């Protein structure tokens, strides 16, 4: 069986750039995926990898929504009549 992807780099990036709480959780699951792979628990690594991936995508989604609200708020607040 091949080792599942850990998603460590995307997890760190979304933690710094998008949304801290789910990013930290993604880092935890990415680390679990790596450590479970190293001991041969490929099923556990696959499950941790899946959770890390979901949290990475969730962080990206929250970050995109946040920045959209900031941009819309700045645009609507700067208009003068």
PDB file of N, CA and C in Angstrom:
ATOM      1  N   UNK A   1       0.849  -1.183   0.000  1.00  0.00           N
ATOM      2  CA  UNK A   1       0.000   0.000   0.000  1.00  0.00           C
ATOM      3  C   UNK A   1       0.890   1.240   0.000  1.00  0.00           C
ATOM      4  N   UNK A   2       0.487   2.253  -0.751  1.00  0.00           N
ATOM      5  CA  UNK A   2       1.256   3.491  -0.807  1.00  0.00           C
ATOM      6  C   UNK A   2       0.887   4.400   0.352  1.00  0.00           C
ATOM      7  N   UNK A   3       1.838   5.205   0.739  1.00  0.00           N
ATOM      8  CA  UNK A   3       1.619   6.126   1.855  1.00  0.00           C
ATOM      9  C   UNK A   3       0.717   7.272   1.413  1.00  0.00           C
ATOM     10  N   UNK A   4      -0.274   7.630   2.236  1.00  0.00           N
ATOM     11  CA  UNK A   4      -1.142   8.748   1.877  1.00  0.00           C
ATOM     12  C   UNK A   4      -0.410  10.087   2.030  1.00  0.00           C
ATOM     13  N   UNK A   5      -0.905  11.079   1.343  1.00  0.00           N
ATOM     14  CA  UNK A   5      -0.334  12.417   1.416  1.00  0.00           C
ATOM     15  C   UNK A   5      -0.615  13.005   2.798  1.00  0.00           C
ATOM     16  N   UNK A   6       0.358  13.730   3.362  1.00  0.00           N
ATOM     17  CA  UNK A   6       0.171  14.271   4.710  1.00  0.00           C
ATOM     18  C   UNK A   6      -0.509  15.636   4.734  1.00  0.00           C
ATOM     19  N   UNK A   7      -0.393  16.439   3.691  1.00  0.00           N
ATOM     20  CA  UNK A   7      -0.953  17.788   3.622  1.00  0.00           C
ATOM     21  C   UNK A   7      -0.309  18.742   4.619  1.00  0.00           C
ATOM     22  N   UNK A   8       0.939  18.499   5.011  1.00  0.00           N
ATOM     23  CA  UNK A   8       1.590  19.361   5.991  1.00  0.00           C
ATOM     24  C   UNK A   8       1.852  20.763   5.438  1.00  0.00           C
ATOM     25  N   UNK A   9       2.391  20.860   4.233  1.00  0.00           N
ATOM     26  CA  UNK A   9       2.692  22.182   3.671  1.00  0.00           C
ATOM     27  C   UNK A   9       1.419  23.004   3.472  1.00  0.00           C
ATOM     28  N   UNK A  10       0.364  22.455   2.856  1.00  0.00           N
ATOM     29  CA  UNK A  10      -0.867  23.254   2.758  1.00  0.00           C
ATOM     30  C   UNK A  10      -1.447  23.606   4.128  1.00  0.00           C
ATOM     31  N   UNK A  11      -1.314  22.715   5.098  1.00  0.00           N
ATOM     32  CA  UNK A  11      -1.844  22.994   6.436  1.00  0.00           C
ATOM     33  C   UNK A  11      -1.127  24.183   7.067  1.00  0.00           C
ATOM     34  N   UNK A  12       0.187  24.235   6.930  1.00  0.00           N
ATOM     35  CA  UNK A  12       0.942  25.363   7.485  1.00  0.00           C
ATOM     36  C   UNK A  12       0.578  26.655   6.747  1.00  0.00           C
ATOM     37  N   UNK A  13       0.463  26.573   5.437  1.00  0.00           N
ATOM     38  CA  UNK A  13       0.134  27.773   4.657  1.00  0.00           C
ATOM     39  C   UNK A  13      -1.239  28.336   5.006  1.00  0.00           C
ATOM     40  N   UNK A  14      -2.255  27.477   5.129  1.00  0.00           N
ATOM     41  CA  UNK A  14      -3.584  27.992   5.471  1.00  0.00           C
ATOM     42  C   UNK A  14      -3.640  28.485   6.910  1.00  0.00           C
ATOM     43  N   UNK A  15      -2.802  27.932   7.781  1.00  0.00           N
ATOM     44  CA  UNK A  15      -2.748  28.435   9.149  1.00  0.00           C
ATOM     45  C   UNK A  15      -2.242  29.865   9.167  1.00  0.00           C
ATOM     46  N   UNK A  16      -1.215  30.134   8.387  1.00  0.00           N
ATOM     47  CA  UNK A  16      -0.617  31.468   8.358  1.00  0.00           C
ATOM     48  C   UNK A  16      -1.463  32.447   7.544  1.00  0.00           C
ATOM     49  N   UNK A  17      -2.003  31.995   6.420  1.00  0.00           N
ATOM     50  CA  UNK A  17      -2.626  32.911   5.476  1.00  0.00           C
ATOM     51  C   UNK A  17      -4.148  32.987   5.545  1.00  0.00           C
ATOM     52  N   UNK A  18      -4.808  31.957   6.066  1.00  0.00           N
ATOM     53  CA  UNK A  18      -6.276  31.928   5.959  1.00  0.00           C
ATOM     54  C   UNK A  18      -6.976  31.980   7.308  1.00  0.00           C
ATOM     55  N   UNK A  19      -6.976  30.883   8.034  1.00  0.00           N
ATOM     56  CA  UNK A  19      -7.784  30.809   9.250  1.00  0.00           C
ATOM     57  C   UNK A  19      -7.072  29.940  10.284  1.00  0.00           C
ATOM     58  N   UNK A  20      -6.657  30.562  11.362  1.00  0.00           N
ATOM     59  CA  UNK A  20      -5.809  29.918  12.363  1.00  0.00           C
ATOM     60  C   UNK A  20      -6.424  28.672  13.030  1.00  0.00           C
ATOM     61  N   UNK A  21      -7.656  28.720  13.544  1.00  0.00           N
ATOM     62  CA  UNK A  21      -8.159  27.547  14.287  1.00  0.00           C
ATOM     63  C   UNK A  21      -8.208  26.248  13.476  1.00  0.00           C
ATOM     64  N   UNK A  22      -8.794  26.288  12.294  1.00  0.00           N
ATOM     65  CA  UNK A  22      -8.856  25.058  11.507  1.00  0.00           C
ATOM     66  C   UNK A  22      -7.499  24.721  10.898  1.00  0.00           C
ATOM     67  N   UNK A  23      -6.665  25.735  10.702  1.00  0.00           N
ATOM     68  CA  UNK A  23      -5.309  25.485  10.212  1.00  0.00           C
ATOM     69  C   UNK A  23      -4.483  24.704  11.218  1.00  0.00           C
ATOM     70  N   UNK A  24      -4.609  25.049  12.496  1.00  0.00           N
ATOM     71  CA  UNK A  24      -3.878  24.320  13.540  1.00  0.00           C
ATOM     72  C   UNK A  24      -4.362  22.873  13.604  1.00  0.00           C
ATOM     73  N   UNK A  25      -5.669  22.680  13.514  1.00  0.00           N
ATOM     74  CA  UNK A  25      -6.202  21.311  13.511  1.00  0.00           C
ATOM     75  C   UNK A  25      -5.679  20.537  12.303  1.00  0.00           C
ATOM     76  N   UNK A  26      -5.576  21.204  11.149  1.00  0.00           N
ATOM     77  CA  UNK A  26      -5.044  20.551   9.951  1.00  0.00           C
ATOM     78  C   UNK A  26      -3.593  20.141  10.155  1.00  0.00           C
ATOM     79  N   UNK A  27      -2.811  20.987  10.825  1.00  0.00           N
ATOM     80  CA  UNK A  27      -1.414  20.641  11.121  1.00  0.00           C
ATOM     81  C   UNK A  27      -1.349  19.408  12.017  1.00  0.00           C
ATOM     82  N   UNK A  28      -2.215  19.341  13.012  1.00  0.00           N
ATOM     83  CA  UNK A  28      -2.233  18.196  13.927  1.00  0.00           C
ATOM     84  C   UNK A  28      -2.525  16.909  13.164  1.00  0.00           C
ATOM     85  N   UNK A  29      -3.539  16.934  12.308  1.00  0.00           N
ATOM     86  CA  UNK A  29      -3.875  15.722  11.552  1.00  0.00           C
ATOM     87  C   UNK A  29      -2.823  15.390  10.507  1.00  0.00           C
ATOM     88  N   UNK A  30      -2.194  16.412   9.925  1.00  0.00           N
ATOM     89  CA  UNK A  30      -1.109  16.157   8.973  1.00  0.00           C
ATOM     90  C   UNK A  30       0.065  15.484   9.674  1.00  0.00           C
ATOM     91  N   UNK A  31       0.378  15.931  10.881  1.00  0.00           N
ATOM     92  CA  UNK A  31       1.454  15.302  11.650  1.00  0.00           C
ATOM     93  C   UNK A  31       1.091  13.864  12.017  1.00  0.00           C
ATOM     94  N   UNK A  32      -0.170  13.640  12.366  1.00  0.00           N
ATOM     95  CA  UNK A  32      -0.611  12.276  12.671  1.00  0.00           C
ATOM     96  C   UNK A  32      -0.489  11.380  11.448  1.00  0.00           C
ATOM     97  N   UNK A  33      -0.821  11.912  10.283  1.00  0.00           N
ATOM     98  CA  UNK A  33      -0.711  11.114   9.058  1.00  0.00           C
ATOM     99  C   UNK A  33       0.737  10.708   8.821  1.00  0.00           C
ATOM    100  N   UNK A  34       1.656  11.631   9.037  1.00  0.00           N
ATOM    101  CA  UNK A  34       3.077  11.312   8.862  1.00  0.00           C
ATOM    102  C   UNK A  34       3.584  10.296   9.859  1.00  0.00           C
ATOM    103  N   UNK A  35       3.210  10.462  11.118  1.00  0.00           N
ATOM    104  CA  UNK A  35       3.701   9.533  12.136  1.00  0.00           C
ATOM    105  C   UNK A  35       3.061   8.149  11.993  1.00  0.00           C
ATOM    106  N   UNK A  36       1.804   8.107  11.607  1.00  0.00           N
ATOM    107  CA  UNK A  36       1.157   6.797  11.410  1.00  0.00           C
ATOM    108  C   UNK A  36       1.717   6.069  10.202  1.00  0.00           C
ATOM    109  N   UNK A  37       2.081   6.829   9.182  1.00  0.00           N
ATOM    110  CA  UNK A  37       2.723   6.214   8.022  1.00  0.00           C
ATOM    111  C   UNK A  37       4.064   5.609   8.404  1.00  0.00           C
ATOM    112  N   UNK A  38       4.811   6.328   9.244  1.00  0.00           N
ATOM    113  CA  UNK A  38       6.152   5.842   9.601  1.00  0.00           C
ATOM    114  C   UNK A  38       6.120   4.570  10.440  1.00  0.00           C
ATOM    115  N   UNK A  39       5.017   4.325  11.160  1.00  0.00           N
ATOM    116  CA  UNK A  39       4.917   3.088  11.938  1.00  0.00           C
ATOM    117  C   UNK A  39       4.168   1.989  11.194  1.00  0.00           C
ATOM    118  N   UNK A  40       3.718   2.299   9.956  1.00  0.00           N
ATOM    119  CA  UNK A  40       3.077   1.281   9.147  1.00  0.00           C
ATOM    120  C   UNK A  40       1.565   1.219   9.247  1.00  0.00           C
ATOM    121  N   UNK A  41       0.947   2.153   9.963  1.00  0.00           N
ATOM    122  CA  UNK A  41      -0.510   2.184  10.097  1.00  0.00           C
ATOM    123  C   UNK A  41      -1.089   2.989   8.935  1.00  0.00           C
ATOM    124  N   UNK A  42      -1.181   2.357   7.772  1.00  0.00           N
ATOM    125  CA  UNK A  42      -1.595   3.077   6.571  1.00  0.00           C
ATOM    126  C   UNK A  42      -3.078   3.439   6.600  1.00  0.00           C
ATOM    127  N   UNK A  43      -3.902   2.615   7.220  1.00  0.00           N
ATOM    128  CA  UNK A  43      -5.322   2.944   7.313  1.00  0.00           C
ATOM    129  C   UNK A  43      -5.530   4.158   8.225  1.00  0.00           C
ATOM    130  N   UNK A  44      -4.846   4.177   9.359  1.00  0.00           N
ATOM    131  CA  UNK A  44      -4.926   5.334  10.252  1.00  0.00           C
ATOM    132  C   UNK A  44      -4.341   6.580   9.612  1.00  0.00           C
ATOM    133  N   UNK A  45      -3.272   6.415   8.840  1.00  0.00           N
ATOM    134  CA  UNK A  45      -2.667   7.546   8.138  1.00  0.00           C
ATOM    135  C   UNK A  45      -3.607   8.093   7.081  1.00  0.00           C
ATOM    136  N   UNK A  46      -4.316   7.199   6.392  1.00  0.00           N
ATOM    137  CA  UNK A  46      -5.263   7.646   5.371  1.00  0.00           C
ATOM    138  C   UNK A  46      -6.407   8.437   6.003  1.00  0.00           C
ATOM    139  N   UNK A  47      -6.885   8.003   7.154  1.00  0.00           N
ATOM    140  CA  UNK A  47      -7.957   8.717   7.842  1.00  0.00           C
ATOM    141  C   UNK A  47      -7.478  10.087   8.328  1.00  0.00           C
ATOM    142  N   UNK A  48      -6.292  10.161   8.905  1.00  0.00           N
ATOM    143  CA  UNK A  48      -5.744  11.442   9.352  1.00  0.00           C
ATOM    144  C   UNK A  48      -5.495  12.362   8.159  1.00  0.00           C
ATOM    145  N   UNK A  49      -5.041  11.801   7.054  1.00  0.00           N
ATOM    146  CA  UNK A  49      -4.812  12.582   5.846  1.00  0.00           C
ATOM    147  C   UNK A  49      -6.125  13.151   5.312  1.00  0.00           C
ATOM    148  N   UNK A  50      -7.170  12.359   5.338  1.00  0.00           N
ATOM    149  CA  UNK A  50      -8.485  12.820   4.884  1.00  0.00           C
ATOM    150  C   UNK A  50      -8.977  13.977   5.742  1.00  0.00           C
ATOM    151  N   UNK A  51      -8.818  13.871   7.060  1.00  0.00           N
ATOM    152  CA  UNK A  51      -9.240  14.947   7.958  1.00  0.00           C
ATOM    153  C   UNK A  51      -8.402  16.209   7.734  1.00  0.00           C
ATOM    154  N   UNK A  52      -7.100  16.034   7.516  1.00  0.00           N
ATOM    155  CA  UNK A  52      -6.237  17.190   7.244  1.00  0.00           C
ATOM    156  C   UNK A  52      -6.671  17.884   5.958  1.00  0.00           C
ATOM    157  N   UNK A  53      -6.978  17.107   4.923  1.00  0.00           N
ATOM    158  CA  UNK A  53      -7.414  17.674   3.645  1.00  0.00           C
ATOM    159  C   UNK A  53      -8.711  18.467   3.807  1.00  0.00           C
ATOM    160  N   UNK A  54      -9.664  17.908   4.539  1.00  0.00           N
ATOM    161  CA  UNK A  54     -10.939  18.601   4.765  1.00  0.00           C
ATOM    162  C   UNK A  54     -10.709  19.911   5.510  1.00  0.00           C
ATOM    163  N   UNK A  55      -9.847  19.887   6.505  1.00  0.00           N
ATOM    164  CA  UNK A  55      -9.578  21.098   7.274  1.00  0.00           C
ATOM    165  C   UNK A  55      -8.817  22.140   6.457  1.00  0.00           C
ATOM    166  N   UNK A  56      -7.938  21.691   5.583  1.00  0.00           N
ATOM    167  CA  UNK A  56      -7.235  22.626   4.693  1.00  0.00           C
ATOM    168  C   UNK A  56      -8.244  23.319   3.790  1.00  0.00           C
ATOM    169  N   UNK A  57      -9.129  22.560   3.164  1.00  0.00           N
ATOM    170  CA  UNK A  57     -10.130  23.157   2.278  1.00  0.00           C
ATOM    171  C   UNK A  57     -11.083  24.068   3.046  1.00  0.00           C
ATOM    172  N   UNK A  58     -11.444  23.686   4.257  1.00  0.00           N
ATOM    173  CA  UNK A  58     -12.306  24.522   5.091  1.00  0.00           C
ATOM    174  C   UNK A  58     -11.619  25.841   5.414  1.00  0.00           C
ATOM    175  N   UNK A  59     -10.348  25.781   5.756  1.00  0.00           N
ATOM    176  CA  UNK A  59      -9.591  27.000   6.058  1.00  0.00           C
ATOM    177  C   UNK A  59      -9.503  27.917   4.851  1.00  0.00           C
ATOM    178  N   UNK A  60      -9.278  27.350   3.691  1.00  0.00           N
ATOM    179  CA  UNK A  60      -9.217  28.156   2.467  1.00  0.00           C
ATOM    180  C   UNK A  60     -10.573  28.824   2.226  1.00  0.00           C
ATOM    181  N   UNK A  61     -11.640  28.071   2.375  1.00  0.00           N
ATOM    182  CA  UNK A  61     -12.976  28.633   2.170  1.00  0.00           C
ATOM    183  C   UNK A  61     -13.279  29.769   3.130  1.00  0.00           C
ATOM    184  N   UNK A  62     -12.954  29.591   4.399  1.00  0.00           N
ATOM    185  CA  UNK A  62     -13.195  30.636   5.390  1.00  0.00           C
ATOM    186  C   UNK A  62     -12.322  31.852   5.086  1.00  0.00           C
ATOM    187  N   UNK A  63     -11.071  31.613   4.716  1.00  0.00           N
ATOM    188  CA  UNK A  63     -10.178  32.720   4.384  1.00  0.00           C
ATOM    189  C   UNK A  63     -10.662  33.505   3.185  1.00  0.00           C
ATOM    190  N   UNK A  64     -11.134  32.825   2.151  1.00  0.00           N
ATOM    191  CA  UNK A  64     -11.644  33.509   0.956  1.00  0.00           C
ATOM    192  C   UNK A  64     -12.881  34.333   1.314  1.00  0.00           C
ATOM    193  N   UNK A  65     -13.788  33.756   2.090  1.00  0.00           N
ATOM    194  CA  UNK A  65     -14.981  34.504   2.497  1.00  0.00           C
ATOM    195  C   UNK A  65     -14.612  35.730   3.325  1.00  0.00           C
ATOM    196  N   UNK A  66     -13.665  35.572   4.231  1.00  0.00           N
ATOM    197  CA  UNK A  66     -13.230  36.697   5.063  1.00  0.00           C
ATOM    198  C   UNK A  66     -12.702  37.832   4.200  1.00  0.00           C
ATOM    199  N   UNK A  67     -11.803  37.500   3.269  1.00  0.00           N
ATOM    200  CA  UNK A  67     -11.215  38.548   2.434  1.00  0.00           C
ATOM    201  C   UNK A  67     -12.243  39.163   1.495  1.00  0.00           C
ATOM    202  N   UNK A  68     -13.212  38.388   1.039  1.00  0.00           N
ATOM    203  CA  UNK A  68     -14.290  38.970   0.235  1.00  0.00           C
ATOM    204  C   UNK A  68     -15.088  39.987   1.034  1.00  0.00           C
ATOM    205  N   UNK A  69     -15.415  39.649   2.282  1.00  0.00           N
ATOM    206  CA  UNK A  69     -16.137  40.591   3.134  1.00  0.00           C
ATOM    207  C   UNK A  69     -15.309  41.840   3.403  1.00  0.00           C
ATOM    208  N   UNK A  70     -14.013  41.687   3.606  1.00  0.00           N
ATOM    209  CA  UNK A  70     -13.147  42.847   3.835  1.00  0.00           C
ATOM    210  C   UNK A  70     -13.124  43.749   2.604  1.00  0.00           C
ATOM    211  N   UNK A  71     -12.974  43.157   1.417  1.00  0.00           N
ATOM    212  CA  UNK A  71     -12.916  43.931   0.190  1.00  0.00           C
ATOM    213  C   UNK A  71     -14.253  44.623  -0.076  1.00  0.00           C
ATOM    214  N   UNK A  72     -15.359  43.893   0.106  1.00  0.00           N
ATOM    215  CA  UNK A  72     -16.681  44.482  -0.113  1.00  0.00           C
ATOM    216  C   UNK A  72     -16.934  45.590   0.902  1.00  0.00           C
ATOM    217  N   UNK A  73     -16.553  45.344   2.138  1.00  0.00           N
ATOM    218  CA  UNK A  73     -16.738  46.370   3.173  1.00  0.00           C
ATOM    219  C   UNK A  73     -15.904  47.610   2.901  1.00  0.00           C
ATOM    220  N   UNK A  74     -14.684  47.417   2.456  1.00  0.00           N
ATOM    221  CA  UNK A  74     -13.823  48.562   2.153  1.00  0.00           C
ATOM    222  C   UNK A  74     -14.355  49.329   0.948  1.00  0.00           C
ATOM    223  N   UNK A  75     -14.849  48.610  -0.047  1.00  0.00           N
ATOM    224  CA  UNK A  75     -15.381  49.274  -1.238  1.00  0.00           C
ATOM    225  C   UNK A  75     -16.653  50.045  -0.931  1.00  0.00           C
ATOM    226  N   UNK A  76     -17.508  49.489  -0.102  1.00  0.00           N
ATOM    227  CA  UNK A  76     -18.757  50.181   0.211  1.00  0.00           C
ATOM    228  C   UNK A  76     -18.537  51.323   1.195  1.00  0.00           C
ATOM    229  N   UNK A  77     -17.534  51.214   2.023  1.00  0.00           N
ATOM    230  CA  UNK A  77     -17.239  52.272   2.988  1.00  0.00           C
ATOM    231  C   UNK A  77     -16.495  53.441   2.386  1.00  0.00           C
ATOM    232  N   UNK A  78     -15.843  53.231   1.257  1.00  0.00           N
ATOM    233  CA  UNK A  78     -15.057  54.302   0.666  1.00  0.00           C
ATOM    234  C   UNK A  78     -15.809  55.076  -0.406  1.00  0.00           C
ATOM    235  N   UNK A  79     -17.045  54.702  -0.702  1.00  0.00           N
ATOM    236  CA  UNK A  79     -17.797  55.425  -1.732  1.00  0.00           C
ATOM    237  C   UNK A  79     -18.351  56.716  -1.148  1.00  0.00           C
ATOM    238  N   UNK A  80     -18.266  57.757  -1.932  1.00  0.00           N
ATOM    239  CA  UNK A  80     -18.796  59.043  -1.493  1.00  0.00           C
ATOM    240  C   UNK A  80     -19.883  59.487  -2.456  1.00  0.00           C
ATOM    241  N   UNK A  81     -20.892  60.123  -1.906  1.00  0.00           N
ATOM    242  CA  UNK A  81     -22.009  60.591  -2.745  1.00  0.00           C
ATOM    243  C   UNK A  81     -22.064  62.079  -2.787  1.00  0.00           C
TER     244      UNK A  81
END
